[in-house]
Amino acid sequence: MVLTIDLAVLLAIIIFFLWRRAVKPRTRLDTGMTMAVVLVFGVLIAPTAFGHGIMNAVGDVAQGISHVGANP
């Protein structure tokens, strides 16, 4: 029996627990590590269908916001 885990799923779990921590003053190293984990997660999830759906949704929201500001 072989157990495999997707790296994107593992990083999503890590991000979830990083965000659930109690709010305390963070060091630069801690902040940098969190940013690196989130960046790698984004790179891993981007080529998937889920990633494309998120990108399209965010693009639609951004386009809607830009149209609201353009109309007098």
PDB file of N, CA and C in Angstrom:
ATOM      1  N   MET A   1       0.842  -1.174   0.000  1.00  0.00           N
ATOM      2  CA  MET A   1       0.000   0.000   0.000  1.00  0.00           C
ATOM      3  C   MET A   1       0.888   1.238   0.000  1.00  0.00           C
ATOM      4  N   VAL A   2       0.633   2.142  -0.949  1.00  0.00           N
ATOM      5  CA  VAL A   2       1.425   3.351  -1.090  1.00  0.00           C
ATOM      6  C   VAL A   2       0.538   4.551  -0.805  1.00  0.00           C
ATOM      7  N   LEU A   3       0.996   5.408   0.079  1.00  0.00           N
ATOM      8  CA  LEU A   3       0.260   6.617   0.423  1.00  0.00           C
ATOM      9  C   LEU A   3       0.947   7.794  -0.251  1.00  0.00           C
ATOM     10  N   THR A   4       0.184   8.525  -1.059  1.00  0.00           N
ATOM     11  CA  THR A   4       0.741   9.710  -1.708  1.00  0.00           C
ATOM     12  C   THR A   4      -0.065  10.918  -1.291  1.00  0.00           C
ATOM     13  N   ILE A   5       0.583  12.078  -1.281  1.00  0.00           N
ATOM     14  CA  ILE A   5      -0.100  13.329  -0.958  1.00  0.00           C
ATOM     15  C   ILE A   5       0.366  14.372  -1.954  1.00  0.00           C
ATOM     16  N   ASP A   6      -0.549  15.131  -2.444  1.00  0.00           N
ATOM     17  CA  ASP A   6      -0.251  16.200  -3.374  1.00  0.00           C
ATOM     18  C   ASP A   6       0.418  17.340  -2.606  1.00  0.00           C
ATOM     19  N   LEU A   7       1.455  17.895  -3.179  1.00  0.00           N
ATOM     20  CA  LEU A   7       2.187  18.969  -2.509  1.00  0.00           C
ATOM     21  C   LEU A   7       1.304  20.192  -2.307  1.00  0.00           C
ATOM     22  N   ALA A   8       0.413  20.477  -3.245  1.00  0.00           N
ATOM     23  CA  ALA A   8      -0.489  21.619  -3.095  1.00  0.00           C
ATOM     24  C   ALA A   8      -1.424  21.425  -1.906  1.00  0.00           C
ATOM     25  N   VAL A   9      -1.889  20.198  -1.692  1.00  0.00           N
ATOM     26  CA  VAL A   9      -2.757  19.921  -0.542  1.00  0.00           C
ATOM     27  C   VAL A   9      -1.977  20.109   0.756  1.00  0.00           C
ATOM     28  N   LEU A  10      -0.755  19.621   0.789  1.00  0.00           N
ATOM     29  CA  LEU A  10       0.088  19.783   1.979  1.00  0.00           C
ATOM     30  C   LEU A  10       0.323  21.264   2.284  1.00  0.00           C
ATOM     31  N   LEU A  11       0.617  22.058   1.263  1.00  0.00           N
ATOM     32  CA  LEU A  11       0.833  23.486   1.484  1.00  0.00           C
ATOM     33  C   LEU A  11      -0.455  24.191   1.903  1.00  0.00           C
ATOM     34  N   ALA A  12      -1.599  23.754   1.390  1.00  0.00           N
ATOM     35  CA  ALA A  12      -2.875  24.341   1.818  1.00  0.00           C
ATOM     36  C   ALA A  12      -3.108  24.082   3.300  1.00  0.00           C
ATOM     37  N   ILE A  13      -2.758  22.905   3.770  1.00  0.00           N
ATOM     38  CA  ILE A  13      -2.899  22.582   5.191  1.00  0.00           C
ATOM     39  C   ILE A  13      -1.954  23.442   6.030  1.00  0.00           C
ATOM     40  N   ILE A  14      -0.730  23.617   5.553  1.00  0.00           N
ATOM     41  CA  ILE A  14       0.237  24.456   6.274  1.00  0.00           C
ATOM     42  C   ILE A  14      -0.267  25.902   6.343  1.00  0.00           C
ATOM     43  N   ILE A  15      -0.770  26.421   5.224  1.00  0.00           N
ATOM     44  CA  ILE A  15      -1.287  27.792   5.199  1.00  0.00           C
ATOM     45  C   ILE A  15      -2.461  27.933   6.165  1.00  0.00           C
ATOM     46  N   PHE A  16      -3.335  26.938   6.190  1.00  0.00           N
ATOM     47  CA  PHE A  16      -4.483  26.978   7.095  1.00  0.00           C
ATOM     48  C   PHE A  16      -4.027  27.105   8.544  1.00  0.00           C
ATOM     49  N   PHE A  17      -3.045  26.311   8.948  1.00  0.00           N
ATOM     50  CA  PHE A  17      -2.583  26.376  10.336  1.00  0.00           C
ATOM     51  C   PHE A  17      -1.775  27.636  10.615  1.00  0.00           C
ATOM     52  N   LEU A  18      -1.081  28.178   9.618  1.00  0.00           N
ATOM     53  CA  LEU A  18      -0.372  29.440   9.820  1.00  0.00           C
ATOM     54  C   LEU A  18      -1.351  30.580  10.059  1.00  0.00           C
ATOM     55  N   TRP A  19      -2.480  30.585   9.372  1.00  0.00           N
ATOM     56  CA  TRP A  19      -3.459  31.648   9.532  1.00  0.00           C
ATOM     57  C   TRP A  19      -4.279  31.492  10.799  1.00  0.00           C
ATOM     58  N   ARG A  20      -4.353  30.307  11.353  1.00  0.00           N
ATOM     59  CA  ARG A  20      -5.140  30.087  12.571  1.00  0.00           C
ATOM     60  C   ARG A  20      -4.387  30.438  13.839  1.00  0.00           C
ATOM     61  N   ARG A  21      -3.097  30.654  13.743  1.00  0.00           N
ATOM     62  CA  ARG A  21      -2.303  30.958  14.931  1.00  0.00           C
ATOM     63  C   ARG A  21      -2.783  32.233  15.596  1.00  0.00           C
ATOM     64  N   ALA A  22      -2.508  32.311  16.874  1.00  0.00           N
ATOM     65  CA  ALA A  22      -2.847  33.527  17.626  1.00  0.00           C
ATOM     66  C   ALA A  22      -2.034  34.692  17.064  1.00  0.00           C
ATOM     67  N   VAL A  23      -2.647  35.856  17.072  1.00  0.00           N
ATOM     68  CA  VAL A  23      -1.984  37.027  16.529  1.00  0.00           C
ATOM     69  C   VAL A  23      -0.925  37.488  17.519  1.00  0.00           C
ATOM     70  N   LYS A  24       0.296  37.431  17.089  1.00  0.00           N
ATOM     71  CA  LYS A  24       1.442  37.871  17.886  1.00  0.00           C
ATOM     72  C   LYS A  24       2.349  38.673  16.962  1.00  0.00           C
ATOM     73  N   PRO A  25       3.231  39.454  17.520  1.00  0.00           N
ATOM     74  CA  PRO A  25       4.204  40.122  16.661  1.00  0.00           C
ATOM     75  C   PRO A  25       5.039  39.076  15.912  1.00  0.00           C
ATOM     76  N   ARG A  26       5.145  39.232  14.612  1.00  0.00           N
ATOM     77  CA  ARG A  26       5.870  38.260  13.809  1.00  0.00           C
ATOM     78  C   ARG A  26       7.240  38.796  13.443  1.00  0.00           C
ATOM     79  N   THR A  27       8.175  37.899  13.327  1.00  0.00           N
ATOM     80  CA  THR A  27       9.509  38.281  12.896  1.00  0.00           C
ATOM     81  C   THR A  27       9.520  38.383  11.373  1.00  0.00           C
ATOM     82  N   ARG A  28      10.561  38.993  10.842  1.00  0.00           N
ATOM     83  CA  ARG A  28      10.687  39.083   9.388  1.00  0.00           C
ATOM     84  C   ARG A  28      10.856  37.698   8.775  1.00  0.00           C
ATOM     85  N   LEU A  29      11.549  36.831   9.466  1.00  0.00           N
ATOM     86  CA  LEU A  29      11.742  35.473   8.965  1.00  0.00           C
ATOM     87  C   LEU A  29      10.402  34.748   8.881  1.00  0.00           C
ATOM     88  N   ASP A  30       9.574  34.892   9.896  1.00  0.00           N
ATOM     89  CA  ASP A  30       8.263  34.247   9.905  1.00  0.00           C
ATOM     90  C   ASP A  30       7.384  34.780   8.780  1.00  0.00           C
ATOM     91  N   THR A  31       7.376  36.084   8.598  1.00  0.00           N
ATOM     92  CA  THR A  31       6.586  36.687   7.530  1.00  0.00           C
ATOM     93  C   THR A  31       7.104  36.245   6.160  1.00  0.00           C
ATOM     94  N   GLY A  32       8.400  36.214   5.997  1.00  0.00           N
ATOM     95  CA  GLY A  32       8.986  35.777   4.728  1.00  0.00           C
ATOM     96  C   GLY A  32       8.683  34.319   4.420  1.00  0.00           C
ATOM     97  N   MET A  33       8.723  33.480   5.448  1.00  0.00           N
ATOM     98  CA  MET A  33       8.410  32.065   5.256  1.00  0.00           C
ATOM     99  C   MET A  33       6.960  31.878   4.845  1.00  0.00           C
ATOM    100  N   THR A  34       6.061  32.627   5.483  1.00  0.00           N
ATOM    101  CA  THR A  34       4.645  32.543   5.120  1.00  0.00           C
ATOM    102  C   THR A  34       4.431  32.985   3.679  1.00  0.00           C
ATOM    103  N   MET A  35       5.067  34.061   3.277  1.00  0.00           N
ATOM    104  CA  MET A  35       4.937  34.531   1.903  1.00  0.00           C
ATOM    105  C   MET A  35       5.483  33.513   0.911  1.00  0.00           C
ATOM    106  N   ALA A  36       6.600  32.875   1.238  1.00  0.00           N
ATOM    107  CA  ALA A  36       7.183  31.873   0.354  1.00  0.00           C
ATOM    108  C   ALA A  36       6.263  30.664   0.204  1.00  0.00           C
ATOM    109  N   VAL A  37       5.666  30.211   1.303  1.00  0.00           N
ATOM    110  CA  VAL A  37       4.761  29.063   1.250  1.00  0.00           C
ATOM    111  C   VAL A  37       3.542  29.396   0.401  1.00  0.00           C
ATOM    112  N   VAL A  38       2.987  30.588   0.577  1.00  0.00           N
ATOM    113  CA  VAL A  38       1.816  30.989  -0.198  1.00  0.00           C
ATOM    114  C   VAL A  38       2.172  31.139  -1.672  1.00  0.00           C
ATOM    115  N   LEU A  39       3.349  31.670  -1.972  1.00  0.00           N
ATOM    116  CA  LEU A  39       3.783  31.812  -3.360  1.00  0.00           C
ATOM    117  C   LEU A  39       3.947  30.454  -4.035  1.00  0.00           C
ATOM    118  N   VAL A  40       4.584  29.516  -3.360  1.00  0.00           N
ATOM    119  CA  VAL A  40       4.753  28.174  -3.921  1.00  0.00           C
ATOM    120  C   VAL A  40       3.396  27.506  -4.101  1.00  0.00           C
ATOM    121  N   PHE A  41       2.484  27.692  -3.161  1.00  0.00           N
ATOM    122  CA  PHE A  41       1.134  27.144  -3.285  1.00  0.00           C
ATOM    123  C   PHE A  41       0.446  27.708  -4.529  1.00  0.00           C
ATOM    124  N   GLY A  42       0.585  28.989  -4.741  1.00  0.00           N
ATOM    125  CA  GLY A  42      -0.015  29.613  -5.921  1.00  0.00           C
ATOM    126  C   GLY A  42       0.558  29.081  -7.215  1.00  0.00           C
ATOM    127  N   VAL A  43       1.866  28.866  -7.249  1.00  0.00           N
ATOM    128  CA  VAL A  43       2.507  28.318  -8.449  1.00  0.00           C
ATOM    129  C   VAL A  43       2.045  26.887  -8.703  1.00  0.00           C
ATOM    130  N   LEU A  44       1.866  26.106  -7.652  1.00  0.00           N
ATOM    131  CA  LEU A  44       1.433  24.721  -7.817  1.00  0.00           C
ATOM    132  C   LEU A  44      -0.024  24.610  -8.244  1.00  0.00           C
ATOM    133  N   ILE A  45      -0.874  25.521  -7.763  1.00  0.00           N
ATOM    134  CA  ILE A  45      -2.299  25.401  -8.056  1.00  0.00           C
ATOM    135  C   ILE A  45      -2.685  26.120  -9.352  1.00  0.00           C
ATOM    136  N   ALA A  46      -1.838  27.007  -9.865  1.00  0.00           N
ATOM    137  CA  ALA A  46      -2.172  27.818 -11.034  1.00  0.00           C
ATOM    138  C   ALA A  46      -2.503  27.001 -12.289  1.00  0.00           C
ATOM    139  N   PRO A  47      -1.769  25.963 -12.642  1.00  0.00           N
ATOM    140  CA  PRO A  47      -2.082  25.269 -13.892  1.00  0.00           C
ATOM    141  C   PRO A  47      -3.276  24.319 -13.808  1.00  0.00           C
ATOM    142  N   THR A  48      -3.886  24.170 -12.667  1.00  0.00           N
ATOM    143  CA  THR A  48      -5.020  23.257 -12.528  1.00  0.00           C
ATOM    144  C   THR A  48      -6.314  23.951 -12.934  1.00  0.00           C
ATOM    145  N   ALA A  49      -7.365  23.173 -13.127  1.00  0.00           N
ATOM    146  CA  ALA A  49      -8.673  23.741 -13.469  1.00  0.00           C
ATOM    147  C   ALA A  49      -9.186  24.636 -12.339  1.00  0.00           C
ATOM    148  N   PHE A  50      -8.938  24.228 -11.098  1.00  0.00           N
ATOM    149  CA  PHE A  50      -9.336  25.036  -9.946  1.00  0.00           C
ATOM    150  C   PHE A  50      -8.613  26.384  -9.970  1.00  0.00           C
ATOM    151  N   GLY A  51      -7.329  26.366 -10.280  1.00  0.00           N
ATOM    152  CA  GLY A  51      -6.546  27.600 -10.360  1.00  0.00           C
ATOM    153  C   GLY A  51      -7.047  28.524 -11.453  1.00  0.00           C
ATOM    154  N   HIS A  52      -7.409  27.942 -12.606  1.00  0.00           N
ATOM    155  CA  HIS A  52      -7.949  28.758 -13.690  1.00  0.00           C
ATOM    156  C   HIS A  52      -9.299  29.363 -13.296  1.00  0.00           C
ATOM    157  N   GLY A  53     -10.110  28.607 -12.565  1.00  0.00           N
ATOM    158  CA  GLY A  53     -11.391  29.132 -12.095  1.00  0.00           C
ATOM    159  C   GLY A  53     -11.210  30.296 -11.151  1.00  0.00           C
ATOM    160  N   ILE A  54     -10.253  30.174 -10.226  1.00  0.00           N
ATOM    161  CA  ILE A  54      -9.964  31.269  -9.290  1.00  0.00           C
ATOM    162  C   ILE A  54      -9.480  32.492 -10.059  1.00  0.00           C
ATOM    163  N   MET A  55      -8.583  32.275 -11.043  1.00  0.00           N
ATOM    164  CA  MET A  55      -8.044  33.384 -11.819  1.00  0.00           C
ATOM    165  C   MET A  55      -9.159  34.086 -12.604  1.00  0.00           C
ATOM    166  N   ASN A  56     -10.068  33.328 -13.182  1.00  0.00           N
ATOM    167  CA  ASN A  56     -11.182  33.930 -13.924  1.00  0.00           C
ATOM    168  C   ASN A  56     -12.109  34.702 -12.992  1.00  0.00           C
ATOM    169  N   ALA A  57     -12.392  34.160 -11.806  1.00  0.00           N
ATOM    170  CA  ALA A  57     -13.257  34.845 -10.851  1.00  0.00           C
ATOM    171  C   ALA A  57     -12.629  36.154 -10.379  1.00  0.00           C
ATOM    172  N   VAL A  58     -11.355  36.111 -10.042  1.00  0.00           N
ATOM    173  CA  VAL A  58     -10.668  37.329  -9.596  1.00  0.00           C
ATOM    174  C   VAL A  58     -10.603  38.343 -10.732  1.00  0.00           C
ATOM    175  N   GLY A  59     -10.368  37.872 -11.955  1.00  0.00           N
ATOM    176  CA  GLY A  59     -10.350  38.766 -13.112  1.00  0.00           C
ATOM    177  C   GLY A  59     -11.690  39.427 -13.343  1.00  0.00           C
ATOM    178  N   ASP A  60     -12.778  38.662 -13.183  1.00  0.00           N
ATOM    179  CA  ASP A  60     -14.122  39.232 -13.339  1.00  0.00           C
ATOM    180  C   ASP A  60     -14.399  40.295 -12.283  1.00  0.00           C
ATOM    181  N   VAL A  61     -13.999  40.028 -11.042  1.00  0.00           N
ATOM    182  CA  VAL A  61     -14.199  41.008  -9.969  1.00  0.00           C
ATOM    183  C   VAL A  61     -13.387  42.274 -10.246  1.00  0.00           C
ATOM    184  N   ALA A  62     -12.131  42.101 -10.644  1.00  0.00           N
ATOM    185  CA  ALA A  62     -11.276  43.263 -10.939  1.00  0.00           C
ATOM    186  C   ALA A  62     -11.828  44.055 -12.113  1.00  0.00           C
ATOM    187  N   GLN A  63     -12.317  43.357 -13.125  1.00  0.00           N
ATOM    188  CA  GLN A  63     -12.891  44.045 -14.278  1.00  0.00           C
ATOM    189  C   GLN A  63     -14.159  44.800 -13.879  1.00  0.00           C
ATOM    190  N   GLY A  64     -14.981  44.190 -13.039  1.00  0.00           N
ATOM    191  CA  GLY A  64     -16.183  44.862 -12.561  1.00  0.00           C
ATOM    192  C   GLY A  64     -15.859  46.107 -11.759  1.00  0.00           C
ATOM    193  N   ILE A  65     -14.850  46.008 -10.909  1.00  0.00           N
ATOM    194  CA  ILE A  65     -14.440  47.168 -10.103  1.00  0.00           C
ATOM    195  C   ILE A  65     -13.905  48.277 -10.993  1.00  0.00           C
ATOM    196  N   SER A  66     -13.127  47.932 -12.006  1.00  0.00           N
ATOM    197  CA  SER A  66     -12.572  48.960 -12.889  1.00  0.00           C
ATOM    198  C   SER A  66     -13.665  49.617 -13.720  1.00  0.00           C
ATOM    199  N   HIS A  67     -14.706  48.870 -14.099  1.00  0.00           N
ATOM    200  CA  HIS A  67     -15.815  49.461 -14.839  1.00  0.00           C
ATOM    201  C   HIS A  67     -16.641  50.382 -13.965  1.00  0.00           C
ATOM    202  N   VAL A  68     -16.791  50.073 -12.702  1.00  0.00           N
ATOM    203  CA  VAL A  68     -17.545  50.925 -11.783  1.00  0.00           C
ATOM    204  C   VAL A  68     -16.844  52.270 -11.630  1.00  0.00           C
ATOM    205  N   GLY A  69     -15.525  52.252 -11.538  1.00  0.00           N
ATOM    206  CA  GLY A  69     -14.776  53.497 -11.390  1.00  0.00           C
ATOM    207  C   GLY A  69     -14.752  54.308 -12.660  1.00  0.00           C
ATOM    208  N   ALA A  70     -14.909  53.670 -13.829  1.00  0.00           N
ATOM    209  CA  ALA A  70     -14.833  54.378 -15.115  1.00  0.00           C
ATOM    210  C   ALA A  70     -16.137  55.050 -15.480  1.00  0.00           C
ATOM    211  N   ASN A  71     -17.283  54.522 -15.003  1.00  0.00           N
ATOM    212  CA  ASN A  71     -18.584  55.104 -15.352  1.00  0.00           C
ATOM    213  C   ASN A  71     -18.888  56.305 -14.453  1.00  0.00           C
ATOM    214  N   PRO A  72     -19.259  57.447 -15.082  1.00  0.00           N
ATOM    215  CA  PRO A  72     -19.566  58.637 -14.249  1.00  0.00           C
ATOM    216  C   PRO A  72     -20.926  58.541 -13.610  1.00  0.00           C
TER     217      PRO A  72
END
